[in-house]
Amino acid sequence: MKVIVQLMKIYFCLALSLFLAGCGALSSMSLTQANLDKVHDDMSPAEVKSILGDPTDSKTEPIPVVGGTQTIYTYMADPPT
């Protein structure tokens, strides 16, 4: 009986974590002026992500003439309600 209660607690925590992640409540994005000031040229995407969190959107497109591709990461703060 004790094992069943422990399993139920684990399943409940897992379900709650998945729900919160789906709602974006676990997002680590911290789009503040102080964090934006930490971002500078020549940073890798991983370095920027460690400061600002996951981007809101990203778009990969070819680079004309030069060749190759470029990825543009977009960060947007939630609009005030």
PDB file of N, CA and C in Angstrom:
ATOM      1  N   MET A   1       0.828  -1.196   0.000  1.00  0.00           N
ATOM      2  CA  MET A   1       0.000   0.000   0.000  1.00  0.00           C
ATOM      3  C   MET A   1       0.873   1.262   0.000  1.00  0.00           C
ATOM      4  N   LYS A   2       1.947   1.221   0.780  1.00  0.00           N
ATOM      5  CA  LYS A   2       2.851   2.370   0.864  1.00  0.00           C
ATOM      6  C   LYS A   2       3.518   2.630  -0.486  1.00  0.00           C
ATOM      7  N   VAL A   3       3.839   1.563  -1.218  1.00  0.00           N
ATOM      8  CA  VAL A   3       4.469   1.694  -2.526  1.00  0.00           C
ATOM      9  C   VAL A   3       3.503   2.345  -3.514  1.00  0.00           C
ATOM     10  N   ILE A   4       2.233   1.992  -3.429  1.00  0.00           N
ATOM     11  CA  ILE A   4       1.225   2.571  -4.333  1.00  0.00           C
ATOM     12  C   ILE A   4       1.099   4.069  -4.096  1.00  0.00           C
ATOM     13  N   VAL A   5       1.103   4.493  -2.844  1.00  0.00           N
ATOM     14  CA  VAL A   5       1.012   5.917  -2.518  1.00  0.00           C
ATOM     15  C   VAL A   5       2.239   6.655  -3.052  1.00  0.00           C
ATOM     16  N   GLN A   6       3.414   6.070  -2.907  1.00  0.00           N
ATOM     17  CA  GLN A   6       4.623   6.702  -3.417  1.00  0.00           C
ATOM     18  C   GLN A   6       4.594   6.807  -4.940  1.00  0.00           C
ATOM     19  N   LEU A   7       4.133   5.758  -5.609  1.00  0.00           N
ATOM     20  CA  LEU A   7       4.019   5.804  -7.068  1.00  0.00           C
ATOM     21  C   LEU A   7       3.018   6.858  -7.514  1.00  0.00           C
ATOM     22  N   MET A   8       1.910   6.979  -6.790  1.00  0.00           N
ATOM     23  CA  MET A   8       0.910   8.002  -7.125  1.00  0.00           C
ATOM     24  C   MET A   8       1.509   9.404  -6.991  1.00  0.00           C
ATOM     25  N   LYS A   9       2.324   9.615  -5.957  1.00  0.00           N
ATOM     26  CA  LYS A   9       2.975  10.917  -5.772  1.00  0.00           C
ATOM     27  C   LYS A   9       3.928  11.209  -6.928  1.00  0.00           C
ATOM     28  N   ILE A  10       4.685  10.195  -7.329  1.00  0.00           N
ATOM     29  CA  ILE A  10       5.628  10.372  -8.435  1.00  0.00           C
ATOM     30  C   ILE A  10       4.878  10.689  -9.723  1.00  0.00           C
ATOM     31  N   TYR A  11       3.812   9.949 -10.016  1.00  0.00           N
ATOM     32  CA  TYR A  11       3.024  10.199 -11.227  1.00  0.00           C
ATOM     33  C   TYR A  11       2.385  11.585 -11.201  1.00  0.00           C
ATOM     34  N   PHE A  12       1.907  12.005 -10.020  1.00  0.00           N
ATOM     35  CA  PHE A  12       1.314  13.331  -9.904  1.00  0.00           C
ATOM     36  C   PHE A  12       2.360  14.418 -10.177  1.00  0.00           C
ATOM     37  N   CYS A  13       3.545  14.275  -9.603  1.00  0.00           N
ATOM     38  CA  CYS A  13       4.614  15.257  -9.826  1.00  0.00           C
ATOM     39  C   CYS A  13       5.029  15.300 -11.289  1.00  0.00           C
ATOM     40  N   LEU A  14       5.116  14.148 -11.912  1.00  0.00           N
ATOM     41  CA  LEU A  14       5.471  14.091 -13.327  1.00  0.00           C
ATOM     42  C   LEU A  14       4.402  14.775 -14.178  1.00  0.00           C
ATOM     43  N   ALA A  15       3.130  14.479 -13.904  1.00  0.00           N
ATOM     44  CA  ALA A  15       2.037  15.088 -14.668  1.00  0.00           C
ATOM     45  C   ALA A  15       2.017  16.603 -14.469  1.00  0.00           C
ATOM     46  N   LEU A  16       2.221  17.051 -13.250  1.00  0.00           N
ATOM     47  CA  LEU A  16       2.239  18.488 -12.974  1.00  0.00           C
ATOM     48  C   LEU A  16       3.408  19.171 -13.681  1.00  0.00           C
ATOM     49  N   SER A  17       4.578  18.532 -13.677  1.00  0.00           N
ATOM     50  CA  SER A  17       5.745  19.094 -14.362  1.00  0.00           C
ATOM     51  C   SER A  17       5.504  19.223 -15.857  1.00  0.00           C
ATOM     52  N   LEU A  18       4.934  18.191 -16.461  1.00  0.00           N
ATOM     53  CA  LEU A  18       4.634  18.245 -17.896  1.00  0.00           C
ATOM     54  C   LEU A  18       3.612  19.326 -18.207  1.00  0.00           C
ATOM     55  N   PHE A  19       2.601  19.462 -17.349  1.00  0.00           N
ATOM     56  CA  PHE A  19       1.585  20.498 -17.551  1.00  0.00           C
ATOM     57  C   PHE A  19       2.209  21.890 -17.487  1.00  0.00           C
ATOM     58  N   LEU A  20       3.031  22.129 -16.460  1.00  0.00           N
ATOM     59  CA  LEU A  20       3.655  23.442 -16.308  1.00  0.00           C
ATOM     60  C   LEU A  20       4.615  23.741 -17.453  1.00  0.00           C
ATOM     61  N   ALA A  21       5.344  22.732 -17.900  1.00  0.00           N
ATOM     62  CA  ALA A  21       6.252  22.939 -19.031  1.00  0.00           C
ATOM     63  C   ALA A  21       5.464  23.278 -20.286  1.00  0.00           C
ATOM     64  N   GLY A  22       4.333  22.642 -20.493  1.00  0.00           N
ATOM     65  CA  GLY A  22       3.490  22.934 -21.652  1.00  0.00           C
ATOM     66  C   GLY A  22       2.908  24.331 -21.612  1.00  0.00           C
ATOM     67  N   CYS A  23       2.672  24.839 -20.429  1.00  0.00           N
ATOM     68  CA  CYS A  23       2.126  26.191 -20.276  1.00  0.00           C
ATOM     69  C   CYS A  23       3.210  27.257 -20.329  1.00  0.00           C
ATOM     70  N   GLY A  24       4.442  26.839 -20.347  1.00  0.00           N
ATOM     71  CA  GLY A  24       5.543  27.796 -20.377  1.00  0.00           C
ATOM     72  C   GLY A  24       5.930  28.319 -19.017  1.00  0.00           C
ATOM     73  N   ALA A  25       5.370  27.754 -17.954  1.00  0.00           N
ATOM     74  CA  ALA A  25       5.669  28.239 -16.607  1.00  0.00           C
ATOM     75  C   ALA A  25       7.088  27.905 -16.185  1.00  0.00           C
ATOM     76  N   LEU A  26       7.701  26.926 -16.828  1.00  0.00           N
ATOM     77  CA  LEU A  26       9.072  26.562 -16.468  1.00  0.00           C
ATOM     78  C   LEU A  26      10.091  27.226 -17.371  1.00  0.00           C
ATOM     79  N   SER A  27       9.656  28.181 -18.166  1.00  0.00           N
ATOM     80  CA  SER A  27      10.554  28.855 -19.094  1.00  0.00           C
ATOM     81  C   SER A  27      11.617  29.623 -18.320  1.00  0.00           C
ATOM     82  N   SER A  28      12.824  29.537 -18.789  1.00  0.00           N
ATOM     83  CA  SER A  28      13.911  30.227 -18.100  1.00  0.00           C
ATOM     84  C   SER A  28      14.213  31.580 -18.747  1.00  0.00           C
ATOM     85  N   MET A  29      13.352  32.022 -19.648  1.00  0.00           N
ATOM     86  CA  MET A  29      13.614  33.278 -20.338  1.00  0.00           C
ATOM     87  C   MET A  29      13.555  34.437 -19.355  1.00  0.00           C
ATOM     88  N   SER A  30      14.548  35.249 -19.389  1.00  0.00           N
ATOM     89  CA  SER A  30      14.636  36.390 -18.502  1.00  0.00           C
ATOM     90  C   SER A  30      14.987  37.608 -19.346  1.00  0.00           C
ATOM     91  N   LEU A  31      14.006  38.146 -20.009  1.00  0.00           N
ATOM     92  CA  LEU A  31      14.208  39.255 -20.929  1.00  0.00           C
ATOM     93  C   LEU A  31      14.071  40.574 -20.172  1.00  0.00           C
ATOM     94  N   THR A  32      15.153  40.946 -19.496  1.00  0.00           N
ATOM     95  CA  THR A  32      15.206  42.206 -18.761  1.00  0.00           C
ATOM     96  C   THR A  32      16.313  43.064 -19.367  1.00  0.00           C
ATOM     97  N   GLN A  33      16.274  44.329 -19.084  1.00  0.00           N
ATOM     98  CA  GLN A  33      17.305  45.225 -19.604  1.00  0.00           C
ATOM     99  C   GLN A  33      18.672  44.841 -19.078  1.00  0.00           C
ATOM    100  N   ALA A  34      18.735  44.412 -17.816  1.00  0.00           N
ATOM    101  CA  ALA A  34      20.019  44.008 -17.238  1.00  0.00           C
ATOM    102  C   ALA A  34      20.606  42.816 -17.990  1.00  0.00           C
ATOM    103  N   ASN A  35      19.762  41.846 -18.351  1.00  0.00           N
ATOM    104  CA  ASN A  35      20.252  40.691 -19.101  1.00  0.00           C
ATOM    105  C   ASN A  35      20.573  41.053 -20.541  1.00  0.00           C
ATOM    106  N   LEU A  36      19.787  41.933 -21.144  1.00  0.00           N
ATOM    107  CA  LEU A  36      20.081  42.371 -22.508  1.00  0.00           C
ATOM    108  C   LEU A  36      21.428  43.085 -22.569  1.00  0.00           C
ATOM    109  N   ASP A  37      21.772  43.812 -21.515  1.00  0.00           N
ATOM    110  CA  ASP A  37      23.059  44.511 -21.473  1.00  0.00           C
ATOM    111  C   ASP A  37      24.244  43.537 -21.412  1.00  0.00           C
ATOM    112  N   LYS A  38      24.010  42.309 -20.961  1.00  0.00           N
ATOM    113  CA  LYS A  38      25.073  41.311 -20.890  1.00  0.00           C
ATOM    114  C   LYS A  38      25.387  40.699 -22.250  1.00  0.00           C
ATOM    115  N   VAL A  39      24.461  40.819 -23.200  1.00  0.00           N
ATOM    116  CA  VAL A  39      24.650  40.234 -24.529  1.00  0.00           C
ATOM    117  C   VAL A  39      25.494  41.172 -25.369  1.00  0.00           C
ATOM    118  N   HIS A  40      26.500  40.622 -26.056  1.00  0.00           N
ATOM    119  CA  HIS A  40      27.364  41.449 -26.896  1.00  0.00           C
ATOM    120  C   HIS A  40      27.721  40.690 -28.172  1.00  0.00           C
ATOM    121  N   ASP A  41      28.313  41.386 -29.112  1.00  0.00           N
ATOM    122  CA  ASP A  41      28.725  40.778 -30.378  1.00  0.00           C
ATOM    123  C   ASP A  41      29.675  39.614 -30.132  1.00  0.00           C
ATOM    124  N   ASP A  42      29.699  38.697 -31.071  1.00  0.00           N
ATOM    125  CA  ASP A  42      30.585  37.534 -31.060  1.00  0.00           C
ATOM    126  C   ASP A  42      30.279  36.511 -29.974  1.00  0.00           C
ATOM    127  N   MET A  43      29.083  36.574 -29.358  1.00  0.00           N
ATOM    128  CA  MET A  43      28.692  35.538 -28.402  1.00  0.00           C
ATOM    129  C   MET A  43      28.111  34.365 -29.179  1.00  0.00           C
ATOM    130  N   SER A  44      28.316  33.178 -28.680  1.00  0.00           N
ATOM    131  CA  SER A  44      27.719  32.002 -29.315  1.00  0.00           C
ATOM    132  C   SER A  44      26.240  31.932 -28.940  1.00  0.00           C
ATOM    133  N   PRO A  45      25.446  31.225 -29.739  1.00  0.00           N
ATOM    134  CA  PRO A  45      24.034  31.056 -29.375  1.00  0.00           C
ATOM    135  C   PRO A  45      23.858  30.425 -27.991  1.00  0.00           C
ATOM    136  N   ALA A  46      24.750  29.517 -27.619  1.00  0.00           N
ATOM    137  CA  ALA A  46      24.652  28.886 -26.298  1.00  0.00           C
ATOM    138  C   ALA A  46      24.876  29.899 -25.177  1.00  0.00           C
ATOM    139  N   GLU A  47      25.807  30.839 -25.388  1.00  0.00           N
ATOM    140  CA  GLU A  47      26.063  31.869 -24.370  1.00  0.00           C
ATOM    141  C   GLU A  47      24.856  32.789 -24.208  1.00  0.00           C
ATOM    142  N   VAL A  48      24.253  33.174 -25.329  1.00  0.00           N
ATOM    143  CA  VAL A  48      23.068  34.034 -25.269  1.00  0.00           C
ATOM    144  C   VAL A  48      21.925  33.287 -24.598  1.00  0.00           C
ATOM    145  N   LYS A  49      21.762  32.009 -24.950  1.00  0.00           N
ATOM    146  CA  LYS A  49      20.694  31.207 -24.368  1.00  0.00           C
ATOM    147  C   LYS A  49      20.877  31.061 -22.861  1.00  0.00           C
ATOM    148  N   SER A  50      22.124  30.990 -22.391  1.00  0.00           N
ATOM    149  CA  SER A  50      22.352  30.870 -20.951  1.00  0.00           C
ATOM    150  C   SER A  50      21.934  32.138 -20.204  1.00  0.00           C
ATOM    151  N   ILE A  51      21.923  33.270 -20.899  1.00  0.00           N
ATOM    152  CA  ILE A  51      21.525  34.530 -20.269  1.00  0.00           C
ATOM    153  C   ILE A  51      20.017  34.775 -20.434  1.00  0.00           C
ATOM    154  N   LEU A  52      19.525  34.630 -21.670  1.00  0.00           N
ATOM    155  CA  LEU A  52      18.138  34.999 -21.970  1.00  0.00           C
ATOM    156  C   LEU A  52      17.162  33.833 -21.974  1.00  0.00           C
ATOM    157  N   GLY A  53      17.671  32.605 -22.007  1.00  0.00           N
ATOM    158  CA  GLY A  53      16.782  31.452 -22.098  1.00  0.00           C
ATOM    159  C   GLY A  53      16.510  31.106 -23.550  1.00  0.00           C
ATOM    160  N   ASP A  54      15.519  30.255 -23.762  1.00  0.00           N
ATOM    161  CA  ASP A  54      15.169  29.831 -25.118  1.00  0.00           C
ATOM    162  C   ASP A  54      14.543  30.982 -25.902  1.00  0.00           C
ATOM    163  N   PRO A  55      14.864  31.107 -27.192  1.00  0.00           N
ATOM    164  CA  PRO A  55      14.254  32.165 -27.999  1.00  0.00           C
ATOM    165  C   PRO A  55      12.773  31.887 -28.232  1.00  0.00           C
ATOM    166  N   THR A  56      12.026  32.949 -28.472  1.00  0.00           N
ATOM    167  CA  THR A  56      10.611  32.826 -28.786  1.00  0.00           C
ATOM    168  C   THR A  56      10.425  32.195 -30.154  1.00  0.00           C
ATOM    169  N   ASP A  57      11.311  32.522 -31.088  1.00  0.00           N
ATOM    170  CA  ASP A  57      11.217  32.011 -32.457  1.00  0.00           C
ATOM    171  C   ASP A  57      12.616  31.983 -33.061  1.00  0.00           C
ATOM    172  N   SER A  58      12.796  31.148 -34.071  1.00  0.00           N
ATOM    173  CA  SER A  58      14.054  31.137 -34.812  1.00  0.00           C
ATOM    174  C   SER A  58      13.749  30.858 -36.273  1.00  0.00           C
ATOM    175  N   LYS A  59      14.605  31.392 -37.140  1.00  0.00           N
ATOM    176  CA  LYS A  59      14.395  31.254 -38.582  1.00  0.00           C
ATOM    177  C   LYS A  59      15.760  31.076 -39.239  1.00  0.00           C
ATOM    178  N   THR A  60      15.918  29.988 -39.999  1.00  0.00           N
ATOM    179  CA  THR A  60      17.157  29.729 -40.719  1.00  0.00           C
ATOM    180  C   THR A  60      16.924  30.006 -42.193  1.00  0.00           C
ATOM    181  N   GLU A  61      17.838  30.766 -42.793  1.00  0.00           N
ATOM    182  CA  GLU A  61      17.689  31.132 -44.206  1.00  0.00           C
ATOM    183  C   GLU A  61      19.055  31.163 -44.872  1.00  0.00           C
ATOM    184  N   PRO A  62      19.077  31.003 -46.188  1.00  0.00           N
ATOM    185  CA  PRO A  62      20.361  31.039 -46.899  1.00  0.00           C
ATOM    186  C   PRO A  62      20.943  32.447 -46.917  1.00  0.00           C
ATOM    187  N   ILE A  63      22.268  32.527 -46.981  1.00  0.00           N
ATOM    188  CA  ILE A  63      22.954  33.810 -47.111  1.00  0.00           C
ATOM    189  C   ILE A  63      23.225  34.024 -48.601  1.00  0.00           C
ATOM    190  N   PRO A  64      22.629  35.063 -49.198  1.00  0.00           N
ATOM    191  CA  PRO A  64      22.847  35.301 -50.623  1.00  0.00           C
ATOM    192  C   PRO A  64      24.305  35.626 -50.933  1.00  0.00           C
ATOM    193  N   VAL A  65      24.739  35.310 -52.098  1.00  0.00           N
ATOM    194  CA  VAL A  65      26.057  35.574 -52.655  1.00  0.00           C
ATOM    195  C   VAL A  65      27.158  34.788 -51.937  1.00  0.00           C
ATOM    196  N   VAL A  66      27.267  34.923 -50.625  1.00  0.00           N
ATOM    197  CA  VAL A  66      28.325  34.294 -49.849  1.00  0.00           C
ATOM    198  C   VAL A  66      28.094  32.786 -49.734  1.00  0.00           C
ATOM    199  N   GLY A  67      26.855  32.392 -49.598  1.00  0.00           N
ATOM    200  CA  GLY A  67      26.514  30.992 -49.389  1.00  0.00           C
ATOM    201  C   GLY A  67      26.411  30.657 -47.924  1.00  0.00           C
ATOM    202  N   GLY A  68      26.027  29.448 -47.645  1.00  0.00           N
ATOM    203  CA  GLY A  68      25.828  29.029 -46.262  1.00  0.00           C
ATOM    204  C   GLY A  68      24.451  29.437 -45.775  1.00  0.00           C
ATOM    205  N   THR A  69      24.248  29.339 -44.489  1.00  0.00           N
ATOM    206  CA  THR A  69      22.973  29.725 -43.888  1.00  0.00           C
ATOM    207  C   THR A  69      23.221  30.577 -42.663  1.00  0.00           C
ATOM    208  N   GLN A  70      22.182  31.297 -42.285  1.00  0.00           N
ATOM    209  CA  GLN A  70      22.216  32.069 -41.051  1.00  0.00           C
ATOM    210  C   GLN A  70      20.932  31.782 -40.286  1.00  0.00           C
ATOM    211  N   THR A  71      21.030  31.809 -38.966  1.00  0.00           N
ATOM    212  CA  THR A  71      19.860  31.602 -38.121  1.00  0.00           C
ATOM    213  C   THR A  71      19.607  32.868 -37.331  1.00  0.00           C
ATOM    214  N   ILE A  72      18.368  33.326 -37.379  1.00  0.00           N
ATOM    215  CA  ILE A  72      17.960  34.523 -36.644  1.00  0.00           C
ATOM    216  C   ILE A  72      17.094  34.069 -35.475  1.00  0.00           C
ATOM    217  N   TYR A  73      17.505  34.426 -34.260  1.00  0.00           N
ATOM    218  CA  TYR A  73      16.763  34.096 -33.057  1.00  0.00           C
ATOM    219  C   TYR A  73      15.998  35.330 -32.610  1.00  0.00           C
ATOM    220  N   THR A  74      14.728  35.167 -32.286  1.00  0.00           N
ATOM    221  CA  THR A  74      13.878  36.274 -31.862  1.00  0.00           C
ATOM    222  C   THR A  74      13.448  36.053 -30.416  1.00  0.00           C
ATOM    223  N   TYR A  75      13.608  37.072 -29.597  1.00  0.00           N
ATOM    224  CA  TYR A  75      13.159  37.056 -28.214  1.00  0.00           C
ATOM    225  C   TYR A  75      12.092  38.126 -28.054  1.00  0.00           C
ATOM    226  N   MET A  76      10.953  37.768 -27.504  1.00  0.00           N
ATOM    227  CA  MET A  76       9.886  38.734 -27.250  1.00  0.00           C
ATOM    228  C   MET A  76       9.394  38.571 -25.822  1.00  0.00           C
ATOM    229  N   ALA A  77       9.200  39.680 -25.150  1.00  0.00           N
ATOM    230  CA  ALA A  77       8.637  39.658 -23.797  1.00  0.00           C
ATOM    231  C   ALA A  77       7.129  39.544 -23.930  1.00  0.00           C
ATOM    232  N   ASP A  78       6.509  38.996 -22.920  1.00  0.00           N
ATOM    233  CA  ASP A  78       5.059  38.933 -22.909  1.00  0.00           C
ATOM    234  C   ASP A  78       4.500  40.342 -22.859  1.00  0.00           C
ATOM    235  N   PRO A  79       3.475  40.641 -23.687  1.00  0.00           N
ATOM    236  CA  PRO A  79       2.897  41.976 -23.654  1.00  0.00           C
ATOM    237  C   PRO A  79       2.197  42.209 -22.312  1.00  0.00           C
ATOM    238  N   PRO A  80       2.178  43.438 -21.832  1.00  0.00           N
ATOM    239  CA  PRO A  80       1.510  43.717 -20.553  1.00  0.00           C
ATOM    240  C   PRO A  80       0.024  43.435 -20.678  1.00  0.00           C
ATOM    241  N   THR A  81      -0.557  42.945 -19.612  1.00  0.00           N
ATOM    242  CA  THR A  81      -1.998  42.641 -19.626  1.00  0.00           C
ATOM    243  C   THR A  81      -2.798  43.658 -18.886  1.00  0.00           C
TER     244      THR A  81
END
